[in-house]
Amino acid sequence: MKFSIKTITAGILLTISATTYAIQDSDLPAKKQTDLKLYATASEAYNMINKEREKTLFVDIRTRAEVNFLGTATMIDANIPYMTPDMWSDWDEKKNNFKLAPNSDFLSAIDTRLKTKGLNKNDTIVLMCRSGSRSSKAANLLKKAGYTNVYTIVDGYEGDKARKGEHKGQRVVNGWRNSDLPWSYKLEKSKMYFDL
């Protein structure tokens, strides 16, 4: 069987386009952009993870309280909070909520989960937070630590807020839960984060 350069090039382009997603930095607010520029919607991430399950680490980086009360995607490998409440008495006047501080164990917990799954810093990691902002910060932290293939789910678990209409201000626009992807309130202990 003969292959021409044109046929081989077409095959390569087809392969590349099958794994590239249409989201560009210009499509996203600055707070959702990452240095690696690897983005997926919840639906795209679901398909990507299903396709490459054994070669992908899927991490819900929301706090334990969020996961406990709002549930999580059933197919996550782990919940590893990127941010944790420093003290429940610390209040953020600007945001009108409790202050969160970076989880000092985040990188080592990611590394442990990767090794447990037989993966390394060059394998695919998919991060999901509430709406895509924390996951972008976590992806940048992982890049600085030498991870090379970190995707962020740009619409997160709960999705973006509606800008108008009956549900204005509510997270009903997109995201894992609003896309009818598999999730549950029932948590698996082996996937949950415990302080070391």
Protein backbone atom coordinates (compact mmCIF):
# COMPACT_ATOMS: atom_id res chain seq x y z
CA MET A 1 0.00 0.00 0.00
CA LYS A 2 1.39 3.42 -0.99
CA PHE A 3 0.94 6.60 1.01
CA SER A 4 1.60 10.04 -0.37
CA ILE A 5 2.86 12.96 1.66
CA LYS A 6 -0.57 14.56 1.14
CA THR A 7 -2.33 11.48 2.65
CA ILE A 8 0.05 11.32 5.61
CA THR A 9 -0.31 15.08 6.25
CA ALA A 10 -4.10 14.84 6.11
CA GLY A 11 -3.99 11.98 8.61
CA ILE A 12 -1.78 13.94 10.97
CA LEU A 13 -4.03 17.00 10.75
CA LEU A 14 -7.09 14.85 11.37
CA THR A 15 -5.43 13.37 14.47
CA ILE A 16 -4.43 16.80 15.77
CA SER A 17 -7.87 18.31 15.21
CA ALA A 18 -9.52 15.37 16.98
CA THR A 19 -7.69 16.21 20.21
CA THR A 20 -7.69 20.01 19.95
CA TYR A 21 -10.54 21.97 21.42
CA ALA A 22 -12.02 25.14 19.98
CA ILE A 23 -11.64 27.33 23.08
CA GLN A 24 -9.02 30.08 22.72
CA ASP A 25 -7.72 32.61 25.24
CA SER A 26 -9.71 35.31 23.47
CA ASP A 27 -12.92 33.37 24.23
CA LEU A 28 -12.26 33.48 27.98
CA PRO A 29 -12.12 36.14 30.68
CA ALA A 30 -8.55 36.72 31.89
CA LYS A 31 -9.23 34.90 35.19
CA LYS A 32 -9.94 31.65 33.30
CA GLN A 33 -6.85 31.77 31.05
CA THR A 34 -3.81 29.59 31.66
CA ASP A 35 -0.17 29.62 30.63
CA LEU A 36 -0.53 26.20 28.95
CA LYS A 37 -3.67 27.30 27.06
CA LEU A 38 -5.31 23.87 27.38
CA TYR A 39 -9.06 24.27 27.81
CA ALA A 40 -12.15 22.09 27.59
CA THR A 41 -15.83 22.57 28.33
CA ALA A 42 -17.37 20.09 30.76
CA SER A 43 -18.82 18.10 27.85
CA GLU A 44 -15.50 18.05 25.98
CA ALA A 45 -13.68 16.98 29.14
CA TYR A 46 -16.18 14.17 29.69
CA ASN A 47 -15.50 12.85 26.17
CA MET A 48 -11.73 13.28 26.51
CA ILE A 49 -11.60 11.48 29.85
CA ASN A 50 -13.79 8.62 28.60
CA LYS A 51 -11.50 8.20 25.60
CA GLU A 52 -8.21 8.24 27.56
CA ARG A 53 -9.32 7.12 31.06
CA GLU A 54 -6.14 5.21 31.96
CA LYS A 55 -3.86 8.02 30.77
CA THR A 56 -5.72 10.89 32.45
CA LEU A 57 -5.92 12.14 36.04
CA PHE A 58 -9.25 13.93 36.63
CA VAL A 59 -9.20 16.10 39.77
CA ASP A 60 -12.00 18.09 41.38
CA ILE A 61 -10.10 20.93 43.07
CA ARG A 62 -13.03 22.44 44.98
CA THR A 63 -13.04 22.56 48.77
CA ARG A 64 -14.23 19.60 50.78
CA ALA A 65 -17.31 21.60 51.83
CA GLU A 66 -18.27 22.21 48.18
CA VAL A 67 -17.87 18.55 47.30
CA ASN A 68 -19.65 17.42 50.45
CA PHE A 69 -22.74 19.58 49.94
CA LEU A 70 -22.93 19.91 46.14
CA GLY A 71 -21.69 16.48 45.05
CA THR A 72 -19.08 15.75 42.42
CA ALA A 73 -18.53 14.13 39.05
CA THR A 74 -18.67 10.37 39.54
CA MET A 75 -15.67 9.82 37.26
CA ILE A 76 -13.12 11.95 39.18
CA ASP A 77 -9.94 10.24 40.32
CA ALA A 78 -9.65 12.52 43.34
CA ASN A 79 -10.78 15.62 45.17
CA ILE A 80 -7.70 17.68 46.00
CA PRO A 81 -8.66 21.21 47.11
CA TYR A 82 -6.53 23.94 45.55
CA MET A 83 -7.74 26.38 48.19
CA THR A 84 -8.85 25.69 51.75
CA PRO A 85 -10.39 27.88 54.45
CA ASP A 86 -7.48 29.17 56.51
CA MET A 87 -9.75 29.69 59.49
CA TRP A 88 -13.53 29.85 59.33
CA SER A 89 -13.33 33.12 61.26
CA ASP A 90 -11.41 34.92 58.48
CA TRP A 91 -13.81 37.01 56.39
CA ASP A 92 -13.16 38.58 52.98
CA GLU A 93 -14.90 41.98 53.06
CA LYS A 94 -14.44 42.53 49.33
CA LYS A 95 -15.95 39.18 48.24
CA ASN A 96 -18.41 38.85 51.13
CA ASN A 97 -17.39 35.30 52.00
CA PHE A 98 -14.91 33.29 54.04
CA LYS A 99 -11.28 33.68 53.01
CA LEU A 100 -9.55 30.79 51.33
CA ALA A 101 -5.81 30.17 51.31
CA PRO A 102 -3.73 28.01 48.96
CA ASN A 103 -3.50 24.37 50.02
CA SER A 104 0.20 23.85 50.82
CA ASP A 105 -0.24 20.11 50.15
CA PHE A 106 -1.76 20.55 46.67
CA LEU A 107 1.33 19.71 44.58
CA SER A 108 2.37 16.70 46.63
CA ALA A 109 -1.21 15.36 46.66
CA ILE A 110 -1.40 15.67 42.85
CA ASP A 111 1.96 13.91 42.53
CA THR A 112 0.82 11.09 44.83
CA ARG A 113 -2.39 10.53 42.83
CA LEU A 114 -0.41 10.55 39.56
CA LYS A 115 2.02 7.94 40.85
CA THR A 116 -0.81 5.80 42.22
CA LYS A 117 -2.32 5.75 38.74
CA GLY A 118 1.05 5.03 37.11
CA LEU A 119 1.24 8.47 35.47
CA ASN A 120 3.82 11.25 35.43
CA LYS A 121 4.09 15.03 34.93
CA ASN A 122 3.74 14.70 31.14
CA ASP A 123 0.45 12.79 31.25
CA THR A 124 -2.93 14.52 30.97
CA ILE A 125 -4.40 16.15 34.06
CA VAL A 126 -7.91 17.63 33.94
CA LEU A 127 -8.84 20.12 36.68
CA MET A 128 -12.36 21.14 37.64
CA CYS A 129 -13.41 23.82 40.13
CA ARG A 130 -16.76 25.58 40.54
CA SER A 131 -16.63 27.74 37.41
CA GLY A 132 -13.13 27.67 35.90
CA SER A 133 -11.27 30.42 37.80
CA ARG A 134 -9.51 28.41 40.51
CA SER A 135 -8.67 25.63 38.07
CA SER A 136 -6.80 28.15 35.88
CA LYS A 137 -4.69 29.24 38.86
CA ALA A 138 -4.06 25.59 39.79
CA ALA A 139 -3.07 24.78 36.19
CA ASN A 140 -0.53 27.64 36.27
CA LEU A 141 0.89 26.37 39.55
CA LEU A 142 1.26 22.87 38.07
CA LYS A 143 2.97 24.29 34.97
CA LYS A 144 5.50 26.10 37.17
CA ALA A 145 6.14 22.77 38.92
CA GLY A 146 6.95 21.07 35.60
CA TYR A 147 3.61 19.55 34.58
CA THR A 148 3.12 19.85 30.81
CA ASN A 149 -0.40 18.70 29.90
CA VAL A 150 -2.87 20.31 32.32
CA TYR A 151 -6.40 21.09 31.09
CA THR A 152 -8.89 23.27 32.89
CA ILE A 153 -12.65 22.80 32.55
CA VAL A 154 -13.62 26.38 31.71
CA ASP A 155 -17.24 26.09 32.86
CA GLY A 156 -16.44 24.06 35.98
CA TYR A 157 -18.78 21.92 38.01
CA GLU A 158 -21.56 24.45 38.63
CA GLY A 159 -21.14 26.60 35.53
CA ASP A 160 -21.31 30.31 34.93
CA LYS A 161 -23.94 32.71 36.26
CA ALA A 162 -26.91 33.68 34.11
CA ARG A 163 -26.61 37.36 33.17
CA LYS A 164 -30.32 38.00 32.73
CA GLY A 165 -33.73 36.42 33.01
CA GLU A 166 -35.47 34.56 35.80
CA HIS A 167 -32.25 32.90 37.00
CA LYS A 168 -29.99 35.96 36.81
CA GLY A 169 -27.01 35.52 39.15
CA GLN A 170 -27.51 31.76 39.49
CA ARG A 171 -25.05 29.18 38.12
CA VAL A 172 -27.37 27.60 35.57
CA VAL A 173 -25.68 28.39 32.24
CA ASN A 174 -23.25 25.51 31.66
CA GLY A 175 -20.86 23.37 33.72
CA TRP A 176 -20.73 19.68 34.60
CA ARG A 177 -24.06 19.49 36.48
CA ASN A 178 -25.99 21.65 34.03
CA SER A 179 -24.70 19.59 31.08
CA ASP A 180 -26.38 16.42 32.42
CA LEU A 181 -23.04 14.68 32.91
CA PRO A 182 -22.73 11.96 35.57
CA TRP A 183 -22.49 13.31 39.12
CA SER A 184 -23.66 12.30 42.57
CA TYR A 185 -24.03 13.51 46.14
CA LYS A 186 -22.69 10.12 47.23
CA LEU A 187 -18.93 10.45 47.64
CA GLU A 188 -16.32 7.69 47.42
CA LYS A 189 -14.02 7.87 50.44
CA SER A 190 -11.01 6.61 48.45
CA LYS A 191 -11.26 9.64 46.15
CA MET A 192 -11.58 12.24 48.90
CA TYR A 193 -8.84 14.47 50.29
CA PHE A 194 -7.57 13.98 53.81
CA ASP A 195 -4.87 16.16 55.40
CA LEU A 196 -1.53 14.42 55.52
